[in-house]
Amino acid sequence: MLIIKASGEKVRFNRQQYVNTLKRVGLSPAEASEVASNINQDLYPEISTDQIYRKTHLALKKKDRVLAAKYSLKRALMQLGPGGFYFERYMAAVLEAYGYQTRYNQFVRGKCTEHEVDIIAERQKKKYMIECKFHIAAGRKSDIKVALYVYARFLDLKDRHNFVEPVLITNTQFTSEAVRYASCMGVRVIGWHYPLGRESLEYYIESKKLYPVTVLTSLNGYLSQKFREANIVLVADLLKFTPKSLAQRFRVNEGLAGRLISEAGRLTEPGA
């Protein structure tokens, strides 16, 4: 059966890939197969991946909100928009969890001109220039122009600021041309499903449970905005509150505050 991706491309529905995604968020093989069978009954030719996502998210939410939250990670990253500022702040928090010291939105002068660098990260006496490319639509990819731009900036800044490597992070994917250029010029690129394995964006997030607050299924639009304004970007940040203190701080119902903290606790607990 052909389905339509966010980019508009038509591809065959890959049931095994779908089942593997469900297992990755915590379902057993039997549970993943059951959900896949139920969803399969609702599929029709040229259904969009967005509709498949919505049907799956609803099914998982009925089963376990934590499973639904994990499944929504890619969408949750896009919900850090519409601009890229909160994604940059979020990525700085992720890097800090890996032992980097970070500064974001820094204006620094290079050999020829001044630049605004998204994140300057330092660890073990090495300094990295990090650019974050945020996309609000799943079908958008970071192309070679972005990679060229990052490398040109690095060349102007590296000697004055002792940068050892340029890094480009995106919340979606890269074009093959961008990947080839980055590999040739020594630009490290990190995105959704790239590089495969332990260097991909989702691995960095999931391995240390550094989920953005936007994955929480109990979160509403009002709190999503208020949390970001208060620099609360990680699910784990909510564990600093009690239901009462969270409710008072953001003027919401204590029951809702309790659900958010409970969900955050389950998402971040060992073995979750």
C-alpha atoms as a PDB file:
ATOM      1  CA  MET A   1       0.000   0.000   0.000  1.00  0.00           C
ATOM      2  CA  LEU A   2       1.314   3.442  -0.918  1.00  0.00           C
ATOM      3  CA  ILE A   3       1.334   6.130   1.769  1.00  0.00           C
ATOM      4  CA  ILE A   4       2.228   9.818   1.461  1.00  0.00           C
ATOM      5  CA  LYS A   5       5.151  11.186   3.480  1.00  0.00           C
ATOM      6  CA  ALA A   6       5.269  14.741   4.821  1.00  0.00           C
ATOM      7  CA  SER A   7       7.481  15.688   1.867  1.00  0.00           C
ATOM      8  CA  GLY A   8       4.729  14.597  -0.533  1.00  0.00           C
ATOM      9  CA  GLU A   9       6.680  11.531  -1.644  1.00  0.00           C
ATOM     10  CA  LYS A  10       4.702   8.313  -2.090  1.00  0.00           C
ATOM     11  CA  VAL A  11       6.275   5.205  -0.564  1.00  0.00           C
ATOM     12  CA  ARG A  12       5.136   1.719   0.324  1.00  0.00           C
ATOM     13  CA  PHE A  13       3.996   1.225   3.900  1.00  0.00           C
ATOM     14  CA  ASN A  14       6.677  -0.800   5.683  1.00  0.00           C
ATOM     15  CA  ARG A  15       4.935  -2.776   8.408  1.00  0.00           C
ATOM     16  CA  GLN A  16       8.173  -4.129   9.898  1.00  0.00           C
ATOM     17  CA  GLN A  17       9.669  -0.654  10.169  1.00  0.00           C
ATOM     18  CA  TYR A  18       6.457   0.513  11.831  1.00  0.00           C
ATOM     19  CA  VAL A  19       6.575  -2.395  14.310  1.00  0.00           C
ATOM     20  CA  ASN A  20      10.233  -1.647  15.072  1.00  0.00           C
ATOM     21  CA  THR A  21       9.314   1.969  15.888  1.00  0.00           C
ATOM     22  CA  LEU A  22       6.661   0.742  18.331  1.00  0.00           C
ATOM     23  CA  LYS A  23       9.140  -1.619  19.986  1.00  0.00           C
ATOM     24  CA  ARG A  24      11.654   1.205  20.296  1.00  0.00           C
ATOM     25  CA  VAL A  25       9.267   3.217  22.477  1.00  0.00           C
ATOM     26  CA  GLY A  26       8.750   0.296  24.847  1.00  0.00           C
ATOM     27  CA  LEU A  27       6.147  -2.104  23.486  1.00  0.00           C
ATOM     28  CA  SER A  28       6.852  -5.811  23.582  1.00  0.00           C
ATOM     29  CA  PRO A  29       6.981  -7.603  20.204  1.00  0.00           C
ATOM     30  CA  ALA A  30       3.496  -8.997  20.831  1.00  0.00           C
ATOM     31  CA  GLU A  31       2.097  -5.584  21.823  1.00  0.00           C
ATOM     32  CA  ALA A  32       3.716  -3.888  18.842  1.00  0.00           C
ATOM     33  CA  SER A  33       2.287  -6.497  16.492  1.00  0.00           C
ATOM     34  CA  GLU A  34      -1.173  -6.056  18.031  1.00  0.00           C
ATOM     35  CA  VAL A  35      -1.111  -2.265  17.626  1.00  0.00           C
ATOM     36  CA  ALA A  36       0.178  -2.633  14.060  1.00  0.00           C
ATOM     37  CA  SER A  37      -2.643  -5.047  13.213  1.00  0.00           C
ATOM     38  CA  ASN A  38      -5.259  -2.687  14.647  1.00  0.00           C
ATOM     39  CA  ILE A  39      -3.841   0.333  12.819  1.00  0.00           C
ATOM     40  CA  ASN A  40      -3.535  -1.675   9.601  1.00  0.00           C
ATOM     41  CA  GLN A  41      -7.322  -2.036   9.544  1.00  0.00           C
ATOM     42  CA  ASP A  42      -7.643   1.759   9.332  1.00  0.00           C
ATOM     43  CA  LEU A  43      -5.152   2.230   6.509  1.00  0.00           C
ATOM     44  CA  TYR A  44      -6.225   3.094   3.007  1.00  0.00           C
ATOM     45  CA  PRO A  45      -4.324   3.876  -0.221  1.00  0.00           C
ATOM     46  CA  GLU A  46      -2.335   7.134  -0.066  1.00  0.00           C
ATOM     47  CA  ILE A  47      -3.070   7.816   3.593  1.00  0.00           C
ATOM     48  CA  SER A  48      -0.662  10.419   4.949  1.00  0.00           C
ATOM     49  CA  THR A  49       2.025   9.617   7.486  1.00  0.00           C
ATOM     50  CA  ASP A  50       0.505  12.397   9.604  1.00  0.00           C
ATOM     51  CA  GLN A  51      -2.778  10.500   9.823  1.00  0.00           C
ATOM     52  CA  ILE A  52      -0.946   7.273  10.658  1.00  0.00           C
ATOM     53  CA  TYR A  53       0.916   9.143  13.400  1.00  0.00           C
ATOM     54  CA  ARG A  54      -2.328  10.544  14.861  1.00  0.00           C
ATOM     55  CA  LYS A  55      -4.053   7.158  14.874  1.00  0.00           C
ATOM     56  CA  THR A  56      -1.027   5.522  16.493  1.00  0.00           C
ATOM     57  CA  HIS A  57      -0.558   8.257  19.074  1.00  0.00           C
ATOM     58  CA  LEU A  58      -4.216   7.974  20.115  1.00  0.00           C
ATOM     59  CA  ALA A  59      -3.968   4.175  20.385  1.00  0.00           C
ATOM     60  CA  LEU A  60      -0.820   4.417  22.515  1.00  0.00           C
ATOM     61  CA  LYS A  61      -2.309   7.168  24.677  1.00  0.00           C
ATOM     62  CA  LYS A  62      -5.203   4.852  25.565  1.00  0.00           C
ATOM     63  CA  LYS A  63      -2.704   2.119  26.405  1.00  0.00           C
ATOM     64  CA  ASP A  64      -0.099   4.145  28.319  1.00  0.00           C
ATOM     65  CA  ARG A  65       0.579   7.899  28.173  1.00  0.00           C
ATOM     66  CA  VAL A  66       4.313   7.363  28.579  1.00  0.00           C
ATOM     67  CA  LEU A  67       4.427   5.199  25.455  1.00  0.00           C
ATOM     68  CA  ALA A  68       2.514   7.888  23.563  1.00  0.00           C
ATOM     69  CA  ALA A  69       4.925  10.545  24.823  1.00  0.00           C
ATOM     70  CA  LYS A  70       7.972   8.603  23.616  1.00  0.00           C
ATOM     71  CA  TYR A  71       6.335   7.952  20.247  1.00  0.00           C
ATOM     72  CA  SER A  72       5.720  11.687  19.789  1.00  0.00           C
ATOM     73  CA  LEU A  73       9.385  12.719  20.170  1.00  0.00           C
ATOM     74  CA  LYS A  74       9.915  13.893  16.591  1.00  0.00           C
ATOM     75  CA  ARG A  75       6.682  15.912  16.645  1.00  0.00           C
ATOM     76  CA  ALA A  76       7.504  17.262  20.087  1.00  0.00           C
ATOM     77  CA  LEU A  77      10.785  18.683  18.782  1.00  0.00           C
ATOM     78  CA  MET A  78       8.897  20.510  16.031  1.00  0.00           C
ATOM     79  CA  GLN A  79       6.520  21.889  18.658  1.00  0.00           C
ATOM     80  CA  LEU A  80       9.440  23.780  20.175  1.00  0.00           C
ATOM     81  CA  GLY A  81       8.840  26.279  17.345  1.00  0.00           C
ATOM     82  CA  PRO A  82       7.680  28.205  15.455  1.00  0.00           C
ATOM     83  CA  GLY A  83      11.093  29.898  15.626  1.00  0.00           C
ATOM     84  CA  GLY A  84      14.375  28.136  16.294  1.00  0.00           C
ATOM     85  CA  PHE A  85      15.242  29.867  19.569  1.00  0.00           C
ATOM     86  CA  TYR A  86      13.709  27.255  21.897  1.00  0.00           C
ATOM     87  CA  PHE A  87      15.239  24.405  19.924  1.00  0.00           C
ATOM     88  CA  GLU A  88      18.639  26.025  20.417  1.00  0.00           C
ATOM     89  CA  ARG A  89      17.975  26.394  24.127  1.00  0.00           C
ATOM     90  CA  TYR A  90      16.816  22.780  24.308  1.00  0.00           C
ATOM     91  CA  MET A  91      19.919  21.501  22.510  1.00  0.00           C
ATOM     92  CA  ALA A  92      22.117  23.481  24.904  1.00  0.00           C
ATOM     93  CA  ALA A  93      20.404  21.659  27.788  1.00  0.00           C
ATOM     94  CA  VAL A  94      20.986  18.301  26.069  1.00  0.00           C
ATOM     95  CA  LEU A  95      24.679  19.074  25.580  1.00  0.00           C
ATOM     96  CA  GLU A  96      25.021  20.127  29.219  1.00  0.00           C
ATOM     97  CA  ALA A  97      23.710  16.702  30.251  1.00  0.00           C
ATOM     98  CA  TYR A  98      26.649  15.230  28.333  1.00  0.00           C
ATOM     99  CA  GLY A  99      29.178  17.309  30.229  1.00  0.00           C
ATOM    100  CA  TYR A 100      29.522  20.332  27.954  1.00  0.00           C
ATOM    101  CA  GLN A 101      29.572  23.906  29.182  1.00  0.00           C
ATOM    102  CA  THR A 102      27.358  25.910  26.859  1.00  0.00           C
ATOM    103  CA  ARG A 103      26.489  29.455  25.877  1.00  0.00           C
ATOM    104  CA  TYR A 104      23.763  30.098  23.342  1.00  0.00           C
ATOM    105  CA  ASN A 105      22.938  32.979  21.001  1.00  0.00           C
ATOM    106  CA  GLN A 106      26.426  34.445  21.211  1.00  0.00           C
ATOM    107  CA  PHE A 107      27.584  37.361  19.044  1.00  0.00           C
ATOM    108  CA  VAL A 108      31.255  36.829  18.251  1.00  0.00           C
ATOM    109  CA  ARG A 109      33.647  38.567  15.874  1.00  0.00           C
ATOM    110  CA  GLY A 110      35.560  36.602  13.293  1.00  0.00           C
ATOM    111  CA  LYS A 111      38.440  37.577  11.071  1.00  0.00           C
ATOM    112  CA  CYS A 112      36.138  39.356   8.604  1.00  0.00           C
ATOM    113  CA  THR A 113      32.789  40.011  10.299  1.00  0.00           C
ATOM    114  CA  GLU A 114      30.594  39.426  13.333  1.00  0.00           C
ATOM    115  CA  HIS A 115      28.478  36.289  13.637  1.00  0.00           C
ATOM    116  CA  GLU A 116      25.659  35.079  15.870  1.00  0.00           C
ATOM    117  CA  VAL A 117      26.560  31.530  16.917  1.00  0.00           C
ATOM    118  CA  ASP A 118      23.687  29.383  18.130  1.00  0.00           C
ATOM    119  CA  ILE A 119      25.703  27.430  20.720  1.00  0.00           C
ATOM    120  CA  ILE A 120      29.309  27.541  21.851  1.00  0.00           C
ATOM    121  CA  ALA A 121      30.062  24.291  23.663  1.00  0.00           C
ATOM    122  CA  GLU A 122      33.212  23.364  25.582  1.00  0.00           C
ATOM    123  CA  ARG A 123      34.371  20.064  27.042  1.00  0.00           C
ATOM    124  CA  GLN A 124      37.816  18.744  27.947  1.00  0.00           C
ATOM    125  CA  LYS A 125      39.409  22.023  26.821  1.00  0.00           C
ATOM    126  CA  LYS A 126      37.933  21.720  23.333  1.00  0.00           C
ATOM    127  CA  LYS A 127      35.558  24.325  21.943  1.00  0.00           C
ATOM    128  CA  TYR A 128      32.864  23.634  19.352  1.00  0.00           C
ATOM    129  CA  MET A 129      30.872  25.975  17.117  1.00  0.00           C
ATOM    130  CA  ILE A 130      27.350  24.585  16.916  1.00  0.00           C
ATOM    131  CA  GLU A 131      24.627  25.723  14.558  1.00  0.00           C
ATOM    132  CA  CYS A 132      21.037  24.518  15.002  1.00  0.00           C
ATOM    133  CA  LYS A 133      18.741  24.338  11.991  1.00  0.00           C
ATOM    134  CA  PHE A 134      15.133  24.067  13.086  1.00  0.00           C
ATOM    135  CA  HIS A 135      12.287  22.945  10.835  1.00  0.00           C
ATOM    136  CA  ILE A 136       8.628  23.129  11.818  1.00  0.00           C
ATOM    137  CA  ALA A 137       7.533  20.668   9.098  1.00  0.00           C
ATOM    138  CA  ALA A 138       8.547  17.004   9.039  1.00  0.00           C
ATOM    139  CA  GLY A 139       9.111  16.993   5.287  1.00  0.00           C
ATOM    140  CA  ARG A 140      11.750  19.730   5.343  1.00  0.00           C
ATOM    141  CA  LYS A 141      15.424  18.771   5.194  1.00  0.00           C
ATOM    142  CA  SER A 142      18.586  20.757   5.818  1.00  0.00           C
ATOM    143  CA  ASP A 143      20.281  21.091   2.441  1.00  0.00           C
ATOM    144  CA  ILE A 144      23.802  21.806   1.215  1.00  0.00           C
ATOM    145  CA  LYS A 145      23.325  25.582   1.519  1.00  0.00           C
ATOM    146  CA  VAL A 146      23.045  25.173   5.287  1.00  0.00           C
ATOM    147  CA  ALA A 147      26.212  23.058   5.423  1.00  0.00           C
ATOM    148  CA  LEU A 148      28.084  25.582   3.247  1.00  0.00           C
ATOM    149  CA  TYR A 149      26.943  28.420   5.501  1.00  0.00           C
ATOM    150  CA  VAL A 150      28.095  26.626   8.661  1.00  0.00           C
ATOM    151  CA  TYR A 151      31.517  25.799   7.237  1.00  0.00           C
ATOM    152  CA  ALA A 152      32.051  29.358   5.967  1.00  0.00           C
ATOM    153  CA  ARG A 153      31.276  30.708   9.429  1.00  0.00           C
ATOM    154  CA  PHE A 154      33.656  28.220  10.992  1.00  0.00           C
ATOM    155  CA  LEU A 155      36.487  29.341   8.710  1.00  0.00           C
ATOM    156  CA  ASP A 156      35.991  32.970   9.744  1.00  0.00           C
ATOM    157  CA  LEU A 157      35.775  32.187  13.461  1.00  0.00           C
ATOM    158  CA  LYS A 158      38.002  29.190  14.185  1.00  0.00           C
ATOM    159  CA  ASP A 159      41.359  30.930  14.616  1.00  0.00           C
ATOM    160  CA  ARG A 160      40.106  33.806  16.757  1.00  0.00           C
ATOM    161  CA  HIS A 161      38.064  31.557  19.058  1.00  0.00           C
ATOM    162  CA  ASN A 162      39.991  28.267  18.934  1.00  0.00           C
ATOM    163  CA  PHE A 163      37.064  26.246  17.619  1.00  0.00           C
ATOM    164  CA  VAL A 164      38.119  22.675  16.872  1.00  0.00           C
ATOM    165  CA  GLU A 165      35.070  21.575  14.907  1.00  0.00           C
ATOM    166  CA  PRO A 166      31.871  22.916  13.352  1.00  0.00           C
ATOM    167  CA  VAL A 167      28.697  21.004  14.253  1.00  0.00           C
ATOM    168  CA  LEU A 168      25.324  21.232  12.510  1.00  0.00           C
ATOM    169  CA  ILE A 169      22.261  19.904  14.337  1.00  0.00           C
ATOM    170  CA  THR A 170      18.791  19.674  12.826  1.00  0.00           C
ATOM    171  CA  ASN A 171      15.528  18.307  14.216  1.00  0.00           C
ATOM    172  CA  THR A 172      14.644  16.632  10.915  1.00  0.00           C
ATOM    173  CA  GLN A 173      16.966  15.180   8.271  1.00  0.00           C
ATOM    174  CA  PHE A 174      19.660  16.195   5.786  1.00  0.00           C
ATOM    175  CA  THR A 175      19.747  15.923   2.030  1.00  0.00           C
ATOM    176  CA  SER A 176      22.291  13.435   0.676  1.00  0.00           C
ATOM    177  CA  GLU A 177      24.185  16.325  -0.931  1.00  0.00           C
ATOM    178  CA  ALA A 178      24.504  18.093   2.425  1.00  0.00           C
ATOM    179  CA  VAL A 179      25.787  14.904   4.050  1.00  0.00           C
ATOM    180  CA  ARG A 180      28.417  14.369   1.346  1.00  0.00           C
ATOM    181  CA  TYR A 181      29.668  17.945   1.603  1.00  0.00           C
ATOM    182  CA  ALA A 182      29.747  17.894   5.408  1.00  0.00           C
ATOM    183  CA  SER A 183      31.664  14.611   5.418  1.00  0.00           C
ATOM    184  CA  CYS A 184      34.188  15.976   2.923  1.00  0.00           C
ATOM    185  CA  MET A 185      34.784  19.251   4.802  1.00  0.00           C
ATOM    186  CA  GLY A 186      34.763  17.902   8.348  1.00  0.00           C
ATOM    187  CA  VAL A 187      31.431  19.337   9.495  1.00  0.00           C
ATOM    188  CA  ARG A 188      29.810  17.015  12.025  1.00  0.00           C
ATOM    189  CA  VAL A 189      26.092  16.672  11.289  1.00  0.00           C
ATOM    190  CA  ILE A 190      23.488  15.343  13.715  1.00  0.00           C
ATOM    191  CA  GLY A 191      19.834  14.895  12.845  1.00  0.00           C
ATOM    192  CA  TRP A 192      16.852  12.580  12.999  1.00  0.00           C
ATOM    193  CA  HIS A 193      18.070   9.053  12.176  1.00  0.00           C
ATOM    194  CA  TYR A 194      21.494  10.460  11.274  1.00  0.00           C
ATOM    195  CA  PRO A 195      24.122   9.237  11.749  1.00  0.00           C
ATOM    196  CA  LEU A 196      22.636   5.788  12.341  1.00  0.00           C
ATOM    197  CA  GLY A 197      23.131   4.307  15.793  1.00  0.00           C
ATOM    198  CA  ARG A 198      24.647   6.103  18.749  1.00  0.00           C
ATOM    199  CA  GLU A 199      25.304   9.428  17.051  1.00  0.00           C
ATOM    200  CA  SER A 200      21.761  10.295  15.953  1.00  0.00           C
ATOM    201  CA  LEU A 201      19.699  13.038  17.561  1.00  0.00           C
ATOM    202  CA  GLU A 202      17.116  10.662  19.005  1.00  0.00           C
ATOM    203  CA  TYR A 203      19.835   8.484  20.551  1.00  0.00           C
ATOM    204  CA  TYR A 204      21.340  11.460  22.368  1.00  0.00           C
ATOM    205  CA  ILE A 205      17.882  12.298  23.710  1.00  0.00           C
ATOM    206  CA  GLU A 206      16.563   8.834  24.546  1.00  0.00           C
ATOM    207  CA  SER A 207      19.723   7.365  26.077  1.00  0.00           C
ATOM    208  CA  LYS A 208      19.690   9.934  28.883  1.00  0.00           C
ATOM    209  CA  LYS A 209      15.893  10.525  28.842  1.00  0.00           C
ATOM    210  CA  LEU A 210      16.346  14.168  27.858  1.00  0.00           C
ATOM    211  CA  TYR A 211      12.833  14.529  26.492  1.00  0.00           C
ATOM    212  CA  PRO A 212      11.491  18.016  25.711  1.00  0.00           C
ATOM    213  CA  VAL A 213       8.472  19.076  27.768  1.00  0.00           C
ATOM    214  CA  THR A 214       6.439  19.095  24.562  1.00  0.00           C
ATOM    215  CA  VAL A 215       6.258  15.262  24.585  1.00  0.00           C
ATOM    216  CA  LEU A 216       3.981  15.309  27.637  1.00  0.00           C
ATOM    217  CA  THR A 217       0.490  14.186  26.682  1.00  0.00           C
ATOM    218  CA  SER A 218      -1.103  16.214  29.502  1.00  0.00           C
ATOM    219  CA  LEU A 219       0.508  19.460  28.329  1.00  0.00           C
ATOM    220  CA  ASN A 220      -1.748  22.172  26.905  1.00  0.00           C
ATOM    221  CA  GLY A 221      -0.837  25.095  24.670  1.00  0.00           C
ATOM    222  CA  TYR A 222      -0.917  27.644  27.488  1.00  0.00           C
ATOM    223  CA  LEU A 223       1.559  25.711  29.657  1.00  0.00           C
ATOM    224  CA  SER A 224       3.750  24.818  26.699  1.00  0.00           C
ATOM    225  CA  GLN A 225       4.331  28.520  26.071  1.00  0.00           C
ATOM    226  CA  LYS A 226       4.709  29.402  29.751  1.00  0.00           C
ATOM    227  CA  PHE A 227       7.240  26.630  30.332  1.00  0.00           C
ATOM    228  CA  ARG A 228       9.408  27.808  27.456  1.00  0.00           C
ATOM    229  CA  GLU A 229       9.242  31.403  28.667  1.00  0.00           C
ATOM    230  CA  ALA A 230      10.427  30.158  32.069  1.00  0.00           C
ATOM    231  CA  ASN A 231      13.302  28.228  30.448  1.00  0.00           C
ATOM    232  CA  ILE A 232      11.726  24.881  31.294  1.00  0.00           C
ATOM    233  CA  VAL A 233      12.609  22.826  28.237  1.00  0.00           C
ATOM    234  CA  LEU A 234      13.318  19.345  29.631  1.00  0.00           C
ATOM    235  CA  VAL A 235      10.729  16.984  31.087  1.00  0.00           C
ATOM    236  CA  ALA A 236      13.124  16.467  34.011  1.00  0.00           C
ATOM    237  CA  ASP A 237      12.859  20.182  34.875  1.00  0.00           C
ATOM    238  CA  LEU A 238       9.316  19.568  36.145  1.00  0.00           C
ATOM    239  CA  LEU A 239      10.589  17.232  38.841  1.00  0.00           C
ATOM    240  CA  LYS A 240      11.916  20.269  40.717  1.00  0.00           C
ATOM    241  CA  PHE A 241       8.294  21.137  41.537  1.00  0.00           C
ATOM    242  CA  THR A 242       5.553  19.680  43.682  1.00  0.00           C
ATOM    243  CA  PRO A 243       2.019  19.655  42.230  1.00  0.00           C
ATOM    244  CA  LYS A 244       1.165  22.567  44.508  1.00  0.00           C
ATOM    245  CA  SER A 245       4.203  24.693  43.650  1.00  0.00           C
ATOM    246  CA  LEU A 246       3.813  24.038  39.898  1.00  0.00           C
ATOM    247  CA  ALA A 247       0.128  24.942  40.048  1.00  0.00           C
ATOM    248  CA  GLN A 248       0.842  28.158  41.940  1.00  0.00           C
ATOM    249  CA  ARG A 249       3.770  29.162  39.743  1.00  0.00           C
ATOM    250  CA  PHE A 250       1.846  28.807  36.493  1.00  0.00           C
ATOM    251  CA  ARG A 251      -1.698  29.357  37.759  1.00  0.00           C
ATOM    252  CA  VAL A 252      -3.147  26.020  36.721  1.00  0.00           C
ATOM    253  CA  ASN A 253      -5.251  23.338  38.352  1.00  0.00           C
ATOM    254  CA  GLU A 254      -3.305  21.270  40.886  1.00  0.00           C
ATOM    255  CA  GLY A 255      -4.684  18.073  39.364  1.00  0.00           C
ATOM    256  CA  LEU A 256      -3.192  18.947  35.975  1.00  0.00           C
ATOM    257  CA  ALA A 257       0.092  19.874  37.640  1.00  0.00           C
ATOM    258  CA  GLY A 258       0.133  16.503  39.377  1.00  0.00           C
ATOM    259  CA  ARG A 259      -0.483  14.628  36.124  1.00  0.00           C
ATOM    260  CA  LEU A 260       2.360  16.459  34.407  1.00  0.00           C
ATOM    261  CA  ILE A 261       4.813  15.727  37.219  1.00  0.00           C
ATOM    262  CA  SER A 262       3.711  12.090  37.391  1.00  0.00           C
ATOM    263  CA  GLU A 263       4.172  11.653  33.641  1.00  0.00           C
ATOM    264  CA  ALA A 264       7.564  13.388  33.817  1.00  0.00           C
ATOM    265  CA  GLY A 265       8.643  11.075  36.623  1.00  0.00           C
ATOM    266  CA  ARG A 266       7.700   7.946  34.710  1.00  0.00           C
ATOM    267  CA  LEU A 267       9.436   9.162  31.532  1.00  0.00           C
ATOM    268  CA  THR A 268      12.705   9.792  33.346  1.00  0.00           C
ATOM    269  CA  GLU A 269      12.818   6.890  35.794  1.00  0.00           C
ATOM    270  CA  PRO A 270      15.518   4.217  35.260  1.00  0.00           C
ATOM    271  CA  GLY A 271      14.362   1.486  32.903  1.00  0.00           C
ATOM    272  CA  ALA A 272      11.455   3.526  31.548  1.00  0.00           C
END
